[in-house]
Protein backbone atom coordinates (compact mmCIF):
# COMPACT_ATOMS: atom_id res chain seq x y z
CA UNK A 1 -78.55 -72.47 -21.04
CA UNK A 2 -78.85 -69.17 -22.62
CA UNK A 3 -75.95 -67.37 -24.30
CA UNK A 4 -74.29 -64.12 -22.82
CA UNK A 5 -73.58 -62.06 -26.14
CA UNK A 6 -70.51 -59.51 -24.77
CA UNK A 7 -69.75 -56.68 -27.37
CA UNK A 8 -65.86 -55.91 -26.59
CA UNK A 9 -64.68 -54.22 -29.59
CA UNK A 10 -62.37 -51.21 -29.45
CA UNK A 11 -60.95 -52.14 -25.91
CA UNK A 12 -57.54 -52.96 -26.76
CA UNK A 13 -57.50 -49.98 -28.72
CA UNK A 14 -58.36 -48.12 -25.44
CA UNK A 15 -55.90 -49.75 -23.38
CA UNK A 16 -53.04 -49.32 -25.73
CA UNK A 17 -53.88 -45.62 -25.95
CA UNK A 18 -53.53 -45.51 -21.92
CA UNK A 19 -50.44 -47.23 -21.77
CA UNK A 20 -49.12 -45.04 -24.52
CA UNK A 21 -50.04 -41.97 -22.94
CA UNK A 22 -48.61 -43.04 -19.29
CA UNK A 23 -45.63 -44.30 -20.96
CA UNK A 24 -45.48 -41.26 -23.06
CA UNK A 25 -45.68 -38.85 -19.60
CA UNK A 26 -42.71 -40.96 -18.26
CA UNK A 27 -40.80 -40.83 -20.74
CA UNK A 28 -41.54 -36.64 -20.87
CA UNK A 29 -41.02 -36.77 -17.09
CA UNK A 30 -37.65 -38.49 -17.46
CA UNK A 31 -36.66 -35.69 -20.82
CA UNK A 32 -37.70 -33.01 -18.34
CA UNK A 33 -35.97 -33.84 -15.26
CA UNK A 34 -32.83 -34.92 -17.00
CA UNK A 35 -33.05 -31.14 -18.68
CA UNK A 36 -33.35 -29.97 -15.72
CA UNK A 37 -30.57 -31.58 -14.11
CA UNK A 38 -28.85 -30.56 -16.92
CA UNK A 39 -29.31 -27.08 -16.15
CA UNK A 40 -28.81 -27.09 -12.68
CA UNK A 41 -25.38 -28.91 -13.41
CA UNK A 42 -24.56 -26.23 -15.94
CA UNK A 43 -25.84 -23.02 -14.06
CA UNK A 44 -23.77 -24.38 -11.21
CA UNK A 45 -20.98 -24.88 -13.65
CA UNK A 46 -20.89 -21.14 -14.53
CA UNK A 47 -21.52 -20.22 -10.88
CA UNK A 48 -18.32 -22.00 -9.84
CA UNK A 49 -16.52 -20.52 -13.03
CA UNK A 50 -17.11 -17.07 -12.25
CA UNK A 51 -16.13 -17.54 -8.95
CA UNK A 52 -12.86 -18.89 -9.80
CA UNK A 53 -12.94 -15.47 -12.05
CA UNK A 54 -13.35 -13.47 -9.24
CA UNK A 55 -10.98 -15.12 -6.96
CA UNK A 56 -8.39 -15.12 -9.83
CA UNK A 57 -8.74 -11.79 -10.62
CA UNK A 58 -8.27 -11.09 -6.86
CA UNK A 59 -5.22 -12.79 -7.02
CA UNK A 60 -4.06 -10.99 -9.78
CA UNK A 61 -4.86 -7.78 -8.13
CA UNK A 62 -2.52 -8.44 -5.46
CA UNK A 63 0.09 -9.60 -7.47
CA UNK A 64 0.12 -6.44 -9.75
CA UNK A 65 -0.42 -4.50 -6.51
CA UNK A 66 1.82 -0.82 -7.19
CA UNK A 67 2.37 0.44 -3.49
CA UNK A 68 3.75 3.93 -4.36
CA UNK A 69 -0.21 4.62 -5.77
CA UNK A 70 -2.44 2.24 -3.96
CA UNK A 71 -1.39 2.38 -0.52
CA UNK A 72 -2.13 5.93 -0.69
CA UNK A 73 -5.78 5.97 -1.56
CA UNK A 74 -7.47 7.30 1.38
CA UNK A 75 -9.29 5.46 3.83
CA UNK A 76 -13.23 4.86 2.64
CA UNK A 77 -15.28 6.09 2.14
CA UNK A 78 -13.16 9.50 1.15
CA UNK A 79 -11.82 7.42 -1.71
CA UNK A 80 -11.48 4.18 -3.71
CA UNK A 81 -9.41 2.56 -6.54
CA UNK A 82 -11.00 1.27 -9.76
CA UNK A 83 -10.31 -2.10 -10.88
CA UNK A 84 -11.31 -1.87 -14.45
CA UNK A 85 -12.83 -4.48 -16.72
CA UNK A 86 -10.25 -6.64 -17.92
CA UNK A 87 -9.80 -10.62 -19.03
CA UNK A 88 -9.18 -13.00 -16.78
CA UNK A 89 -6.06 -15.14 -16.07
CA UNK A 90 -6.47 -17.86 -19.22
CA UNK A 91 -9.34 -16.29 -21.12
CA UNK A 92 -12.25 -17.92 -19.22
CA UNK A 93 -14.30 -14.53 -18.83
CA UNK A 94 -13.76 -11.03 -17.34
CA UNK A 95 -13.58 -9.30 -14.07
CA UNK A 96 -13.85 -5.90 -12.55
CA UNK A 97 -14.28 -4.23 -9.20
CA UNK A 98 -13.08 -1.54 -6.83
CA UNK A 99 -10.29 -1.38 -4.17
CA UNK A 100 -11.23 0.16 -1.00
CA UNK A 101 -8.82 1.32 2.19
CA UNK A 102 -10.46 0.07 5.64
CA UNK A 103 -7.60 1.55 7.58
CA UNK A 104 -4.05 2.43 7.45
CA UNK A 105 -3.01 -0.97 6.48
CA UNK A 106 -5.83 -3.35 5.48
CA UNK A 107 -7.54 -3.05 2.06
CA UNK A 108 -10.27 -4.59 0.66
CA UNK A 109 -10.44 -5.80 -3.14
CA UNK A 110 -14.40 -5.92 -3.99
CA UNK A 111 -13.93 -8.31 -7.31
CA UNK A 112 -16.70 -9.38 -9.69
CA UNK A 113 -16.12 -12.26 -12.23
CA UNK A 114 -18.29 -12.61 -14.91
CA UNK A 115 -18.38 -16.27 -17.45
CA UNK A 116 -18.20 -16.06 -21.07
CA UNK A 117 -21.86 -16.05 -21.25
CA UNK A 118 -22.37 -13.05 -19.23
CA UNK A 119 -20.18 -10.49 -21.34
CA UNK A 120 -21.85 -7.05 -21.43
CA UNK A 121 -25.02 -8.21 -19.81
CA UNK A 122 -26.42 -10.38 -22.85
CA UNK A 123 -27.31 -13.43 -21.95
CA UNK A 124 -27.04 -16.18 -25.01
CA UNK A 125 -27.04 -19.91 -25.16
CA UNK A 126 -29.20 -20.36 -21.67
CA UNK A 127 -28.04 -18.37 -19.38
CA UNK A 128 -24.76 -16.69 -17.83
CA UNK A 129 -23.57 -16.44 -14.18
CA UNK A 130 -21.41 -13.76 -11.80
CA UNK A 131 -20.14 -13.93 -8.89
CA UNK A 132 -18.53 -11.05 -6.69
CA UNK A 133 -15.79 -12.10 -3.96
CA UNK A 134 -14.39 -9.54 -1.07
CA UNK A 135 -10.40 -10.25 -0.56
CA UNK A 136 -9.17 -8.69 2.30
CA UNK A 137 -5.58 -7.92 2.34
CA UNK A 138 -2.96 -5.88 4.72
CA UNK A 139 0.14 -4.41 4.83
CA UNK A 140 3.10 -5.65 6.81
CA UNK A 141 5.15 -2.56 7.16
CA UNK A 142 8.77 -2.45 8.72
CA UNK A 143 8.46 -0.90 12.39
CA UNK A 144 11.01 1.72 12.41
CA UNK A 145 10.36 2.51 15.84
CA UNK A 146 10.09 6.42 15.47
CA UNK A 147 8.52 8.08 18.12
CA UNK A 148 9.99 11.65 17.80
CA UNK A 149 11.06 14.10 15.33
CA UNK A 150 14.73 13.31 15.95
CA UNK A 151 16.10 10.20 17.49
CA UNK A 152 19.54 9.83 19.07
CA UNK A 153 21.87 8.66 21.17
CA UNK A 154 24.29 11.57 22.00
CA UNK A 155 23.35 15.24 22.80
CA UNK A 156 22.02 18.11 20.47
CA UNK A 157 22.89 21.61 20.04
CA UNK A 158 19.93 23.42 18.36
CA UNK A 159 21.31 27.45 16.96
CA UNK A 160 20.45 29.74 14.60
CA UNK A 161 16.91 29.52 13.84
CA UNK A 162 16.76 25.40 13.85
CA UNK A 163 13.42 24.01 14.87
CA UNK A 164 13.09 20.61 16.23
CA UNK A 165 9.24 19.93 15.83
CA UNK A 166 7.48 17.09 17.34
CA UNK A 167 3.92 18.39 16.17
CA UNK A 168 2.34 15.84 13.66
CA UNK A 169 2.26 17.83 10.49
CA UNK A 170 1.06 17.03 6.90
CA UNK A 171 3.50 18.43 3.54
CA UNK A 172 1.86 20.94 1.95
CA UNK A 173 -0.34 19.70 -0.88
CA UNK A 174 -0.20 15.96 0.43
CA UNK A 175 -4.39 15.74 -0.51
CA UNK A 176 -3.77 11.64 0.60
CA UNK A 177 -2.76 11.80 4.20
CA UNK A 178 -5.08 11.43 7.31
CA UNK A 179 -5.37 13.48 9.68
CA UNK A 180 -2.27 14.19 11.89
CA UNK A 181 -2.00 12.44 14.93
CA UNK A 182 -0.98 13.35 18.16
CA UNK A 183 2.15 15.44 18.92
CA UNK A 184 5.12 13.37 19.61
CA UNK A 185 8.61 14.44 21.75
CA UNK A 186 10.82 16.80 19.58
CA UNK A 187 14.10 14.52 20.67
CA UNK A 188 14.42 11.22 21.97
CA UNK A 189 17.72 10.34 22.94
CA UNK A 190 19.28 7.88 25.68
CA UNK A 191 20.26 10.92 28.09
CA UNK A 192 22.43 13.17 26.30
CA UNK A 193 22.29 16.93 26.71
CA UNK A 194 19.70 18.75 24.60
CA UNK A 195 20.93 22.54 24.33
CA UNK A 196 19.17 25.75 22.57
CA UNK A 197 20.95 28.99 21.53
CA UNK A 198 20.29 32.21 19.42
CA UNK A 199 16.55 31.91 18.10
CA UNK A 200 16.64 27.89 17.94
CA UNK A 201 13.89 26.02 19.57
CA UNK A 202 12.55 22.18 20.25
CA UNK A 203 9.00 21.59 20.90
CA UNK A 204 6.88 18.50 21.26
CA UNK A 205 5.16 16.86 24.23
CA UNK A 206 7.62 16.32 25.63
CA UNK A 207 10.03 18.66 23.71
CA UNK A 208 12.35 16.22 25.00
CA UNK A 209 12.12 12.35 26.28
CA UNK A 210 15.42 10.09 27.73
CA UNK A 211 14.45 6.88 26.61
CA UNK A 212 17.24 4.64 28.61
CA UNK A 213 16.09 1.61 25.91
CA UNK A 214 17.84 3.49 23.05
CA UNK A 215 20.57 2.02 22.07
CA UNK A 216 23.20 0.91 18.96
CA UNK A 217 20.53 -1.70 17.60
CA UNK A 218 18.07 1.03 17.55
CA UNK A 219 19.30 2.19 14.53
CA UNK A 220 20.40 -1.25 12.98
CA UNK A 221 17.43 -3.60 13.91
CA UNK A 222 13.76 -3.11 12.98
CA UNK A 223 10.63 -4.59 13.66
CA UNK A 224 10.57 -7.24 10.53
CA UNK A 225 14.11 -5.90 8.90
CA UNK A 226 17.57 -4.86 9.71
CA UNK A 227 19.89 -2.07 8.50
CA UNK A 228 21.66 -4.07 6.21
CA UNK A 229 18.57 -5.91 4.51
CA UNK A 230 16.98 -2.27 4.07
CA UNK A 231 20.43 -1.40 2.02
CA UNK A 232 20.56 -4.33 -0.26
CA UNK A 233 16.51 -3.39 -0.97
CA UNK A 234 18.20 -0.08 -1.88
CA UNK A 235 16.85 1.01 -5.58
CA UNK A 236 19.08 3.89 -5.41
CA UNK A 237 22.90 2.94 -4.01
CA UNK A 238 25.67 6.19 -4.10
CA UNK A 239 29.09 6.67 -2.43
CA UNK A 240 30.33 9.28 -0.21
CA UNK A 241 30.16 13.13 -2.21
CA UNK A 242 28.18 16.07 -2.72
CA UNK A 243 24.94 15.46 -4.45
CA UNK A 244 22.09 17.52 -5.49
CA UNK A 245 18.78 16.04 -5.96
CA UNK A 246 15.83 16.58 -8.03
CA UNK A 247 13.03 14.94 -9.87
CA UNK A 248 13.73 13.95 -13.15
CA UNK A 249 10.96 13.61 -16.28
CA UNK A 250 11.26 12.08 -19.75
CA UNK A 251 8.05 12.27 -22.16
CA UNK A 252 5.82 12.82 -19.35
CA UNK A 253 7.00 9.72 -17.29
CA UNK A 254 8.88 9.97 -13.77
CA UNK A 255 12.48 8.87 -14.96
CA UNK A 256 13.61 6.68 -12.21
CA UNK A 257 17.02 5.47 -13.83
CA UNK A 258 18.45 8.62 -12.70
CA UNK A 259 20.12 8.50 -9.82
CA UNK A 260 19.62 11.72 -8.34
CA UNK A 261 16.06 11.63 -8.66
CA UNK A 262 14.70 10.79 -5.16
CA UNK A 263 11.01 11.88 -6.04
CA UNK A 264 8.94 14.41 -5.88
CA UNK A 265 7.16 15.73 -2.50
CA UNK A 266 7.30 19.38 -3.02
CA UNK A 267 4.75 18.29 -5.82
CA UNK A 268 2.92 15.21 -4.75
CA UNK A 269 0.80 15.18 -7.87
CA UNK A 270 3.80 15.42 -10.42
CA UNK A 271 4.73 12.53 -12.26
CA UNK A 272 7.61 11.86 -9.69
CA UNK A 273 5.32 12.33 -6.64
CA UNK A 274 4.34 8.71 -6.31
CA UNK A 275 8.19 7.67 -6.40
CA UNK A 276 9.37 7.05 -2.87
CA UNK A 277 12.76 4.90 -3.29
CA UNK A 278 15.46 3.75 -0.90
CA UNK A 279 18.61 5.41 -0.94
CA UNK A 280 21.72 4.01 0.30
CA UNK A 281 24.46 5.98 1.15
CA UNK A 282 27.82 4.14 1.30
CA UNK A 283 29.62 6.86 3.53
CA UNK A 284 29.48 10.07 4.19
CA UNK A 285 27.21 12.91 2.17
CA UNK A 286 26.61 16.30 1.78
CA UNK A 287 22.94 17.30 -0.16
CA UNK A 288 22.83 21.08 -1.23
CA UNK A 289 20.00 20.83 -3.71
CA UNK A 290 17.40 20.47 -3.57
CA UNK A 291 14.42 17.40 -2.50
CA UNK A 292 14.12 14.07 -1.95
CA UNK A 293 11.61 11.31 -0.80
CA UNK A 294 11.50 7.79 0.57
CA UNK A 295 13.80 6.40 3.09
CA UNK A 296 17.50 7.98 3.69
CA UNK A 297 20.24 5.21 4.85
CA UNK A 298 23.38 6.81 5.67
CA UNK A 299 26.45 4.73 6.33
CA UNK A 300 28.32 7.61 7.38
CA UNK A 301 27.50 11.15 8.57
CA UNK A 302 24.61 13.21 6.20
CA UNK A 303 25.36 17.28 5.96
CA UNK A 304 22.60 18.98 4.79
CA UNK A 305 23.01 22.76 3.61
CA UNK A 306 20.98 25.37 1.82
CA UNK A 307 17.42 24.87 1.12
CA UNK A 308 17.18 20.80 0.72
CA UNK A 309 13.83 19.20 1.51
CA UNK A 310 13.34 15.49 2.31
CA UNK A 311 10.20 13.57 2.85
CA UNK A 312 10.01 10.15 5.12
CA UNK A 313 12.54 8.60 7.02
CA UNK A 314 16.24 9.12 7.38
CA UNK A 315 18.30 6.61 9.34
CA UNK A 316 22.00 7.89 9.83
CA UNK A 317 24.99 5.51 11.37
CA UNK A 318 27.34 8.79 11.62
CA UNK A 319 26.25 12.40 12.83
CA UNK A 320 23.50 15.07 11.38
CA UNK A 321 24.80 18.43 10.75
CA UNK A 322 22.93 21.01 9.23
CA UNK A 323 23.23 24.65 8.01
CA UNK A 324 20.72 26.77 6.60
CA UNK A 325 20.45 29.35 4.13
CA UNK A 326 18.31 29.94 1.32
CA UNK A 327 14.61 30.26 1.62
CA UNK A 328 13.23 26.88 2.49
CA UNK A 329 13.33 26.22 6.09
CA UNK A 330 11.95 22.82 6.16
CA UNK A 331 15.12 20.34 5.75
CA UNK A 332 13.03 17.02 7.05
CA UNK A 333 9.15 16.13 6.95
CA UNK A 334 9.25 12.40 8.79
CA UNK A 335 10.91 11.23 11.35
CA UNK A 336 15.05 11.39 11.66
CA UNK A 337 17.22 8.98 13.43
CA UNK A 338 21.03 9.53 13.64
CA UNK A 339 22.99 6.80 16.03
CA UNK A 340 25.99 9.60 16.57
CA UNK A 341 28.11 6.56 16.81
CA UNK A 342 30.59 8.70 18.19
CA UNK A 343 27.98 10.19 20.86
CA UNK A 344 29.00 13.35 19.47
CA UNK A 345 26.49 16.68 19.29
CA UNK A 346 24.30 16.48 16.82
CA UNK A 347 24.76 20.12 15.10
CA UNK A 348 21.53 21.73 13.75
CA UNK A 349 21.56 25.46 12.53
CA UNK A 350 20.37 28.17 9.97
CA UNK A 351 17.09 27.62 9.17
CA UNK A 352 17.08 23.80 9.54
CA UNK A 353 13.92 22.40 10.86
CA UNK A 354 13.12 19.23 11.74
CA UNK A 355 9.22 18.66 11.42
CA UNK A 356 7.71 15.22 12.87
CA UNK A 357 5.26 14.12 10.09
CA UNK A 358 3.47 10.52 10.26
CA UNK A 359 1.68 11.12 7.09
CA UNK A 360 5.35 11.07 5.25
CA UNK A 361 6.53 8.31 7.90
CA UNK A 362 3.87 6.45 6.30
CA UNK A 363 3.97 6.73 2.63
CA UNK A 364 7.43 6.06 2.74
CA UNK A 365 6.96 2.63 4.34
CA UNK A 366 4.11 2.11 2.16
CA UNK A 367 5.67 2.61 -1.18
CA UNK A 368 8.11 -0.24 -0.41
CA UNK A 369 5.16 -2.84 1.16
CA UNK A 370 3.05 -5.08 -0.66
CA UNK A 371 0.07 -6.24 0.02
CA UNK A 372 -0.52 -9.99 1.22
CA UNK A 373 -4.09 -11.66 1.79
CA UNK A 374 -4.82 -12.53 5.48
CA UNK A 375 -3.96 -15.45 7.08
CA UNK A 376 -7.47 -16.68 8.11
CA UNK A 377 -10.75 -15.42 6.53
CA UNK A 378 -9.34 -13.72 3.73
CA UNK A 379 -12.34 -14.14 1.26
CA UNK A 380 -15.86 -13.18 1.30
CA UNK A 381 -18.67 -14.17 -0.55
CA UNK A 382 -20.37 -10.73 -1.56
CA UNK A 383 -24.10 -10.18 -2.82
């Protein structure tokens, strides 16, 4: 038999090299897959961290909401309010954004959150992330049911040059007001007589409306609050007497510690222009100088003399009496509700003027009303 010679030199080396290549490729693939998985997980963590920062930033803006300024921004697209770049709670990142007013009582907080690797747009250490969320919040204002310039149970006597107007008017210089709404009645009562004398006038649509649903509860119970609850929330409480009220400014800042500082409706851009306090008078008071704004609660009668302006809501458990004088005609911008407990006649004379103003009413309500997220679908993921 002939021997068959086989040359098998180098076969083992080739197989070993091939095996090393295969194993190396498998190991490299495993390392690559693991690295990619780690990067995906890290990126996801940063995305969720950024989302949490944006969400926390929106909540922080709700908690630090200043109704006196933020509630008065004009409806989009006219104006908006910048949320400045600032650290997130806990120092986990930063957030910034913009607040928009979408309607009379609805706001959108557009907040962008950045985790620590994304500051200033300089991405280091493998990347950064940012997320943008929107929070829809609303004001739940008290419904006072003001549907006329003057609401009362008794009769009304308008004499001299006094005017009761239901035409919706924006006070001079109040640039944050929306366009005036429809004309309201001048006087709304439950059947009392309304008389005019001299040059006194009552205007509106209609000038006088009789509403039999008006009763004592109309002046003590409101949607969302009672008269007693409002009085308990008062920023200023005063006793019976004569008062002259005017803005008080110290060091360029409105001094709200002064009990005769009731804001500055005459100069809305001044330091006290956004101060709308709730004022509670525990008895009959007389006002004869100079101005005020907010929500005025009077347990007794309210007497107004001379040149005095008030912007907002006035609720009187007794009678309203005015006597003109001075150079300023408009005594009230907003809405007046005088219970007229003894069913006597509301006396308006001289240059006393009651102007219906939905802007003043809304400003007084909103100045005391914080916002809260909508109960359903409050958060939006923005891109």
